[in-house]
Amino acid sequence: MCIRDRRRVHGIQIIAMPKKVKGSKGKSAKKGGKGKKEKDKNAPKHAISAFFCYQKTRREPLKLENVTFNCRQIVSKMAEEWRALDDKGKEPYEKLAREDKERYEKALKAYKEKKQCEGRPPAPAPEPADYSEPVDGVE
């Protein structure tokens, strides 16, 4: 018989034990682990997929059509519609996704160049020319 059962049988009040708090899966910084990597706020946002482009255009009309739907139902309905679309129907959203991917790649390249320049020490100033020595042909 476990302790809880004995206490219940004998009329002893059970004291509520505090629940364990779920922490991060990685090691904490206090225990010597690396901890969670900080996200750079200046980094460009990732490109969105064709499905997310579809969601942006379809969400509001779907909310108006189905007022009683909650968020989960709306997303599942959009996913169902997306699966039913043929390649021709998906093409405009895939085009938007490609454009957004190009935007992201350009922004990421600029961000990496800027970050690389910030990490580099400034270039040393050029040495001043020494005019004390005579130059051939010039007096």
N, C-alpha and C. Protein backbone atom coordinates (compact mmCIF):
# COMPACT_ATOMS: atom_id res chain seq x y z
N MET A 1 0.85 -1.17 0.00
CA MET A 1 0.00 0.00 0.00
C MET A 1 0.90 1.24 0.00
N CYS A 2 0.59 2.19 -0.90
CA CYS A 2 1.43 3.39 -0.97
C CYS A 2 1.05 4.37 0.13
N ILE A 3 1.86 5.36 0.30
CA ILE A 3 1.67 6.34 1.38
C ILE A 3 0.34 7.05 1.25
N ARG A 4 -0.04 7.44 0.04
CA ARG A 4 -1.31 8.16 -0.14
C ARG A 4 -2.50 7.30 0.28
N ASP A 5 -2.45 6.01 -0.08
CA ASP A 5 -3.54 5.12 0.29
C ASP A 5 -3.62 4.95 1.80
N ARG A 6 -2.47 4.80 2.47
CA ARG A 6 -2.48 4.65 3.92
C ARG A 6 -3.05 5.89 4.59
N ARG A 7 -2.65 7.05 4.09
CA ARG A 7 -3.16 8.29 4.68
C ARG A 7 -4.67 8.41 4.48
N ARG A 8 -5.13 8.00 3.31
CA ARG A 8 -6.56 8.09 3.03
C ARG A 8 -7.33 7.13 3.92
N VAL A 9 -6.84 5.92 4.10
CA VAL A 9 -7.51 4.90 4.90
C VAL A 9 -7.53 5.31 6.37
N HIS A 10 -6.43 5.84 6.86
CA HIS A 10 -6.34 6.18 8.27
C HIS A 10 -6.84 7.59 8.58
N GLY A 11 -7.33 8.29 7.60
CA GLY A 11 -7.91 9.61 7.84
C GLY A 11 -6.90 10.71 8.02
N ILE A 12 -5.70 10.51 7.58
CA ILE A 12 -4.67 11.54 7.69
C ILE A 12 -4.82 12.48 6.49
N GLN A 13 -4.77 13.77 6.78
CA GLN A 13 -4.93 14.76 5.72
C GLN A 13 -3.73 14.73 4.78
N ILE A 14 -4.02 14.69 3.49
CA ILE A 14 -2.95 14.69 2.49
C ILE A 14 -2.58 16.12 2.16
N ILE A 15 -1.32 16.42 2.30
CA ILE A 15 -0.83 17.76 1.98
C ILE A 15 -0.51 17.79 0.50
N ALA A 16 -1.02 18.81 -0.15
CA ALA A 16 -0.77 18.92 -1.60
C ALA A 16 0.70 19.19 -1.84
N MET A 17 1.28 18.37 -2.65
CA MET A 17 2.69 18.54 -3.00
C MET A 17 2.79 19.53 -4.15
N PRO A 18 3.76 20.42 -4.12
CA PRO A 18 3.89 21.36 -5.24
C PRO A 18 4.25 20.62 -6.53
N LYS A 19 3.63 21.03 -7.60
CA LYS A 19 3.91 20.40 -8.89
C LYS A 19 5.28 20.85 -9.38
N LYS A 20 5.91 19.94 -10.09
CA LYS A 20 7.21 20.29 -10.66
C LYS A 20 6.99 21.27 -11.80
N VAL A 21 7.82 22.28 -11.84
CA VAL A 21 7.73 23.28 -12.89
C VAL A 21 8.52 22.78 -14.09
N LYS A 22 7.88 22.81 -15.23
CA LYS A 22 8.57 22.38 -16.43
C LYS A 22 9.54 23.47 -16.85
N GLY A 23 10.76 23.10 -17.05
CA GLY A 23 11.77 24.05 -17.48
C GLY A 23 12.13 23.80 -18.92
N SER A 24 13.14 24.48 -19.38
CA SER A 24 13.60 24.27 -20.74
C SER A 24 14.25 22.89 -20.82
N LYS A 25 14.23 22.31 -21.99
CA LYS A 25 14.79 20.98 -22.16
C LYS A 25 16.31 21.00 -22.11
N GLY A 26 16.90 22.14 -22.46
CA GLY A 26 18.35 22.26 -22.43
C GLY A 26 18.82 22.52 -21.01
N LYS A 27 20.13 22.44 -20.81
CA LYS A 27 20.67 22.72 -19.50
C LYS A 27 20.60 24.20 -19.22
N SER A 28 20.35 24.55 -17.98
CA SER A 28 20.28 25.96 -17.64
C SER A 28 21.69 26.52 -17.51
N ALA A 29 21.77 27.83 -17.57
CA ALA A 29 23.07 28.49 -17.47
C ALA A 29 23.67 28.31 -16.08
N LYS A 30 22.81 28.15 -15.06
CA LYS A 30 23.30 27.98 -13.70
C LYS A 30 24.04 26.66 -13.52
N LYS A 31 23.60 25.63 -14.22
CA LYS A 31 24.19 24.31 -14.06
C LYS A 31 25.41 24.11 -14.96
N GLY A 32 25.83 25.14 -15.66
CA GLY A 32 27.02 25.02 -16.48
C GLY A 32 26.72 24.74 -17.94
N GLY A 33 25.45 24.63 -18.30
CA GLY A 33 25.10 24.39 -19.70
C GLY A 33 25.14 25.69 -20.48
N LYS A 34 25.00 25.56 -21.78
CA LYS A 34 25.06 26.74 -22.63
C LYS A 34 23.81 27.60 -22.51
N GLY A 35 22.68 27.00 -22.23
CA GLY A 35 21.44 27.75 -22.15
C GLY A 35 20.87 27.99 -23.53
N LYS A 36 19.82 28.75 -23.60
CA LYS A 36 19.16 29.01 -24.87
C LYS A 36 19.88 30.13 -25.61
N LYS A 37 20.06 29.94 -26.91
CA LYS A 37 20.75 30.93 -27.73
C LYS A 37 19.83 32.14 -27.92
N GLU A 38 20.37 33.31 -27.70
CA GLU A 38 19.57 34.53 -27.87
C GLU A 38 19.36 34.82 -29.34
N LYS A 39 18.16 35.26 -29.67
CA LYS A 39 17.82 35.59 -31.05
C LYS A 39 18.19 37.05 -31.31
N ASP A 40 18.81 37.29 -32.45
CA ASP A 40 19.19 38.65 -32.81
C ASP A 40 17.95 39.38 -33.33
N LYS A 41 17.60 40.46 -32.69
CA LYS A 41 16.40 41.20 -33.07
C LYS A 41 16.57 41.94 -34.39
N ASN A 42 17.81 42.15 -34.82
CA ASN A 42 18.05 42.85 -36.08
C ASN A 42 18.05 41.92 -37.29
N ALA A 43 18.01 40.61 -37.04
CA ALA A 43 18.03 39.65 -38.14
C ALA A 43 16.72 39.75 -38.94
N PRO A 44 16.77 39.54 -40.25
CA PRO A 44 15.55 39.63 -41.05
C PRO A 44 14.60 38.47 -40.76
N LYS A 45 13.31 38.72 -40.93
CA LYS A 45 12.32 37.67 -40.73
C LYS A 45 12.43 36.66 -41.85
N HIS A 46 12.16 35.39 -41.52
CA HIS A 46 12.23 34.33 -42.53
C HIS A 46 11.13 34.50 -43.57
N ALA A 47 11.37 33.91 -44.72
CA ALA A 47 10.38 33.92 -45.80
C ALA A 47 9.19 33.05 -45.40
N ILE A 48 8.01 33.40 -45.88
CA ILE A 48 6.83 32.61 -45.56
C ILE A 48 6.52 31.66 -46.72
N SER A 49 5.87 30.57 -46.40
CA SER A 49 5.55 29.56 -47.40
C SER A 49 4.31 29.96 -48.20
N ALA A 50 4.05 29.20 -49.26
CA ALA A 50 2.88 29.46 -50.10
C ALA A 50 1.60 29.30 -49.29
N PHE A 51 1.58 28.31 -48.39
CA PHE A 51 0.39 28.09 -47.56
C PHE A 51 0.12 29.28 -46.66
N PHE A 52 1.16 29.91 -46.11
CA PHE A 52 0.95 31.07 -45.27
C PHE A 52 0.49 32.28 -46.09
N CYS A 53 0.95 32.38 -47.32
CA CYS A 53 0.44 33.44 -48.20
C CYS A 53 -1.05 33.22 -48.44
N TYR A 54 -1.44 31.96 -48.65
CA TYR A 54 -2.86 31.61 -48.84
C TYR A 54 -3.65 31.96 -47.58
N GLN A 55 -3.09 31.63 -46.42
CA GLN A 55 -3.79 31.93 -45.17
C GLN A 55 -4.04 33.42 -44.99
N LYS A 56 -3.05 34.23 -45.35
CA LYS A 56 -3.20 35.68 -45.19
C LYS A 56 -4.40 36.21 -45.97
N THR A 57 -4.59 35.68 -47.18
CA THR A 57 -5.68 36.18 -48.02
C THR A 57 -7.01 35.53 -47.68
N ARG A 58 -7.00 34.33 -47.16
CA ARG A 58 -8.24 33.57 -46.97
C ARG A 58 -8.82 33.69 -45.57
N ARG A 59 -8.03 34.02 -44.57
CA ARG A 59 -8.49 34.00 -43.17
C ARG A 59 -9.70 34.90 -42.91
N GLU A 60 -9.61 36.16 -43.27
CA GLU A 60 -10.71 37.10 -42.98
C GLU A 60 -12.03 36.70 -43.66
N PRO A 61 -12.02 36.40 -44.97
CA PRO A 61 -13.29 35.97 -45.58
C PRO A 61 -13.86 34.71 -44.93
N LEU A 62 -13.00 33.80 -44.51
CA LEU A 62 -13.47 32.58 -43.87
C LEU A 62 -14.07 32.88 -42.50
N LYS A 63 -13.50 33.83 -41.78
CA LYS A 63 -14.06 34.24 -40.48
C LYS A 63 -15.46 34.82 -40.66
N LEU A 64 -15.63 35.61 -41.72
CA LEU A 64 -16.94 36.22 -41.97
C LEU A 64 -17.97 35.18 -42.39
N GLU A 65 -17.54 34.18 -43.14
CA GLU A 65 -18.46 33.13 -43.58
C GLU A 65 -18.88 32.23 -42.42
N ASN A 66 -17.94 31.94 -41.52
CA ASN A 66 -18.20 31.03 -40.40
C ASN A 66 -17.91 31.75 -39.09
N VAL A 67 -18.87 32.48 -38.61
CA VAL A 67 -18.69 33.32 -37.43
C VAL A 67 -18.46 32.48 -36.17
N THR A 68 -19.01 31.28 -36.13
CA THR A 68 -18.92 30.46 -34.93
C THR A 68 -17.61 29.67 -34.84
N PHE A 69 -16.80 29.68 -35.88
CA PHE A 69 -15.55 28.92 -35.88
C PHE A 69 -14.53 29.55 -34.94
N ASN A 70 -13.79 28.71 -34.22
CA ASN A 70 -12.67 29.23 -33.44
C ASN A 70 -11.41 29.15 -34.30
N CYS A 71 -10.28 29.57 -33.76
CA CYS A 71 -9.03 29.63 -34.54
C CYS A 71 -8.63 28.27 -35.09
N ARG A 72 -8.72 27.26 -34.27
CA ARG A 72 -8.32 25.92 -34.70
C ARG A 72 -9.19 25.45 -35.87
N GLN A 73 -10.48 25.69 -35.79
CA GLN A 73 -11.39 25.27 -36.85
C GLN A 73 -11.11 26.02 -38.15
N ILE A 74 -10.79 27.29 -38.02
CA ILE A 74 -10.49 28.10 -39.21
C ILE A 74 -9.24 27.57 -39.90
N VAL A 75 -8.20 27.28 -39.13
CA VAL A 75 -6.96 26.78 -39.71
C VAL A 75 -7.18 25.42 -40.35
N SER A 76 -7.93 24.55 -39.70
CA SER A 76 -8.16 23.23 -40.28
C SER A 76 -8.99 23.34 -41.56
N LYS A 77 -9.93 24.28 -41.60
CA LYS A 77 -10.72 24.49 -42.81
C LYS A 77 -9.83 25.00 -43.95
N MET A 78 -8.92 25.94 -43.63
CA MET A 78 -8.01 26.46 -44.65
C MET A 78 -7.07 25.36 -45.15
N ALA A 79 -6.60 24.51 -44.26
CA ALA A 79 -5.72 23.41 -44.66
C ALA A 79 -6.46 22.44 -45.57
N GLU A 80 -7.70 22.20 -45.26
CA GLU A 80 -8.53 21.32 -46.10
C GLU A 80 -8.70 21.92 -47.50
N GLU A 81 -8.99 23.23 -47.54
CA GLU A 81 -9.14 23.91 -48.83
C GLU A 81 -7.83 23.90 -49.61
N TRP A 82 -6.71 24.11 -48.91
CA TRP A 82 -5.39 24.14 -49.55
C TRP A 82 -5.08 22.80 -50.20
N ARG A 83 -5.38 21.71 -49.49
CA ARG A 83 -5.13 20.38 -50.04
C ARG A 83 -5.99 20.12 -51.27
N ALA A 84 -7.18 20.71 -51.30
CA ALA A 84 -8.10 20.49 -52.42
C ALA A 84 -7.72 21.33 -53.65
N LEU A 85 -6.92 22.39 -53.45
CA LEU A 85 -6.53 23.24 -54.58
C LEU A 85 -5.61 22.48 -55.53
N ASP A 86 -5.78 22.73 -56.83
CA ASP A 86 -4.87 22.13 -57.81
C ASP A 86 -3.65 23.04 -57.98
N ASP A 87 -2.71 22.63 -58.80
CA ASP A 87 -1.47 23.40 -58.99
C ASP A 87 -1.74 24.78 -59.55
N LYS A 88 -2.75 24.88 -60.42
CA LYS A 88 -3.08 26.18 -61.01
C LYS A 88 -3.63 27.13 -59.95
N GLY A 89 -4.38 26.61 -59.00
CA GLY A 89 -4.92 27.44 -57.91
C GLY A 89 -3.85 27.87 -56.93
N LYS A 90 -2.82 27.04 -56.77
CA LYS A 90 -1.74 27.34 -55.82
C LYS A 90 -0.69 28.27 -56.41
N GLU A 91 -0.65 28.40 -57.73
CA GLU A 91 0.40 29.14 -58.41
C GLU A 91 0.56 30.59 -57.92
N PRO A 92 -0.52 31.39 -57.77
CA PRO A 92 -0.30 32.78 -57.30
C PRO A 92 0.34 32.84 -55.91
N TYR A 93 0.00 31.90 -55.05
CA TYR A 93 0.56 31.90 -53.70
C TYR A 93 2.01 31.43 -53.72
N GLU A 94 2.32 30.50 -54.60
CA GLU A 94 3.71 30.05 -54.73
C GLU A 94 4.58 31.16 -55.30
N LYS A 95 4.00 31.98 -56.19
CA LYS A 95 4.73 33.12 -56.74
C LYS A 95 5.05 34.12 -55.62
N LEU A 96 4.05 34.40 -54.77
CA LEU A 96 4.26 35.30 -53.64
C LEU A 96 5.34 34.75 -52.70
N ALA A 97 5.32 33.44 -52.49
CA ALA A 97 6.31 32.82 -51.62
C ALA A 97 7.71 32.93 -52.22
N ARG A 98 7.83 32.75 -53.53
CA ARG A 98 9.15 32.89 -54.18
C ARG A 98 9.66 34.32 -54.04
N GLU A 99 8.77 35.31 -54.24
CA GLU A 99 9.17 36.71 -54.10
C GLU A 99 9.62 37.01 -52.68
N ASP A 100 8.90 36.44 -51.70
CA ASP A 100 9.27 36.67 -50.31
C ASP A 100 10.60 35.99 -49.98
N LYS A 101 10.85 34.85 -50.60
CA LYS A 101 12.12 34.16 -50.38
C LYS A 101 13.27 34.99 -50.94
N GLU A 102 13.07 35.60 -52.12
CA GLU A 102 14.10 36.47 -52.69
C GLU A 102 14.36 37.67 -51.79
N ARG A 103 13.27 38.24 -51.25
CA ARG A 103 13.40 39.36 -50.32
C ARG A 103 14.23 38.94 -49.11
N TYR A 104 13.94 37.77 -48.58
CA TYR A 104 14.64 37.27 -47.40
C TYR A 104 16.12 37.05 -47.69
N GLU A 105 16.42 36.45 -48.85
CA GLU A 105 17.82 36.19 -49.18
C GLU A 105 18.62 37.48 -49.32
N LYS A 106 18.00 38.50 -49.95
CA LYS A 106 18.69 39.80 -50.08
C LYS A 106 18.90 40.42 -48.70
N ALA A 107 17.87 40.40 -47.88
CA ALA A 107 17.97 40.99 -46.54
C ALA A 107 18.99 40.25 -45.70
N LEU A 108 19.02 38.92 -45.82
CA LEU A 108 19.98 38.13 -45.05
C LEU A 108 21.41 38.43 -45.49
N LYS A 109 21.62 38.58 -46.79
CA LYS A 109 22.95 38.89 -47.29
C LYS A 109 23.42 40.25 -46.76
N ALA A 110 22.51 41.25 -46.82
CA ALA A 110 22.86 42.57 -46.31
C ALA A 110 23.12 42.52 -44.80
N TYR A 111 22.31 41.76 -44.09
CA TYR A 111 22.47 41.63 -42.64
C TYR A 111 23.82 41.01 -42.29
N LYS A 112 24.19 39.93 -43.00
CA LYS A 112 25.46 39.27 -42.73
C LYS A 112 26.64 40.17 -43.04
N GLU A 113 26.55 40.94 -44.13
CA GLU A 113 27.63 41.88 -44.47
C GLU A 113 27.77 42.94 -43.40
N LYS A 114 26.64 43.46 -42.94
CA LYS A 114 26.66 44.49 -41.91
C LYS A 114 27.22 43.93 -40.60
N LYS A 115 26.81 42.72 -40.26
CA LYS A 115 27.29 42.09 -39.03
C LYS A 115 28.78 41.81 -39.11
N GLN A 116 29.25 41.40 -40.30
CA GLN A 116 30.66 41.12 -40.48
C GLN A 116 31.48 42.40 -40.35
N CYS A 117 30.96 43.51 -40.89
CA CYS A 117 31.68 44.79 -40.79
C CYS A 117 31.75 45.28 -39.35
N GLU A 118 30.69 45.03 -38.58
CA GLU A 118 30.67 45.48 -37.19
C GLU A 118 31.68 44.71 -36.34
N GLY A 119 31.90 43.44 -36.66
CA GLY A 119 32.80 42.61 -35.89
C GLY A 119 34.26 42.86 -36.21
N ARG A 120 34.52 43.41 -37.37
CA ARG A 120 35.89 43.65 -37.82
C ARG A 120 36.44 44.92 -37.17
N PRO A 121 37.73 44.90 -36.77
CA PRO A 121 38.31 46.14 -36.24
C PRO A 121 38.49 47.15 -37.37
N PRO A 122 38.50 48.42 -37.05
CA PRO A 122 38.64 49.42 -38.11
C PRO A 122 39.99 49.27 -38.82
N ALA A 123 40.00 49.58 -40.10
CA ALA A 123 41.22 49.48 -40.90
C ALA A 123 42.23 50.49 -40.39
N PRO A 124 43.52 50.12 -40.36
CA PRO A 124 44.53 51.07 -39.89
C PRO A 124 44.67 52.22 -40.88
N ALA A 125 44.95 53.39 -40.35
CA ALA A 125 45.11 54.58 -41.19
C ALA A 125 46.39 54.42 -42.02
N PRO A 126 46.38 54.88 -43.27
CA PRO A 126 47.59 54.77 -44.08
C PRO A 126 48.70 55.64 -43.50
N GLU A 127 49.91 55.16 -43.69
CA GLU A 127 51.07 55.89 -43.18
C GLU A 127 51.22 57.20 -43.96
N PRO A 128 51.53 58.30 -43.29
CA PRO A 128 51.74 59.54 -44.03
C PRO A 128 53.00 59.46 -44.88
N ALA A 129 52.94 60.09 -46.01
CA ALA A 129 54.08 60.05 -46.93
C ALA A 129 55.25 60.82 -46.32
N ASP A 130 56.45 60.32 -46.53
CA ASP A 130 57.66 60.96 -46.01
C ASP A 130 58.23 61.86 -47.10
N TYR A 131 58.08 63.17 -46.92
CA TYR A 131 58.55 64.13 -47.92
C TYR A 131 59.93 64.67 -47.60
N SER A 132 60.59 64.13 -46.59
CA SER A 132 61.89 64.65 -46.23
C SER A 132 62.99 64.19 -47.19
N GLU A 133 62.80 63.04 -47.80
CA GLU A 133 63.80 62.54 -48.75
C GLU A 133 63.55 63.09 -50.14
N PRO A 134 64.60 63.42 -50.88
CA PRO A 134 64.39 63.95 -52.24
C PRO A 134 63.91 62.85 -53.18
N VAL A 135 63.02 63.21 -54.08
CA VAL A 135 62.49 62.29 -55.08
C VAL A 135 63.17 62.61 -56.39
N ASP A 136 63.51 61.59 -57.17
CA ASP A 136 64.22 61.80 -58.45
C ASP A 136 63.41 62.70 -59.38
N GLY A 137 64.01 63.70 -59.92
CA GLY A 137 63.39 64.59 -60.88
C GLY A 137 62.59 65.72 -60.27
N VAL A 138 62.39 65.68 -58.97
CA VAL A 138 61.63 66.76 -58.33
C VAL A 138 62.53 67.42 -57.31
N GLU A 139 62.56 68.71 -57.31
CA GLU A 139 63.42 69.43 -56.37
C GLU A 139 62.72 69.81 -55.12
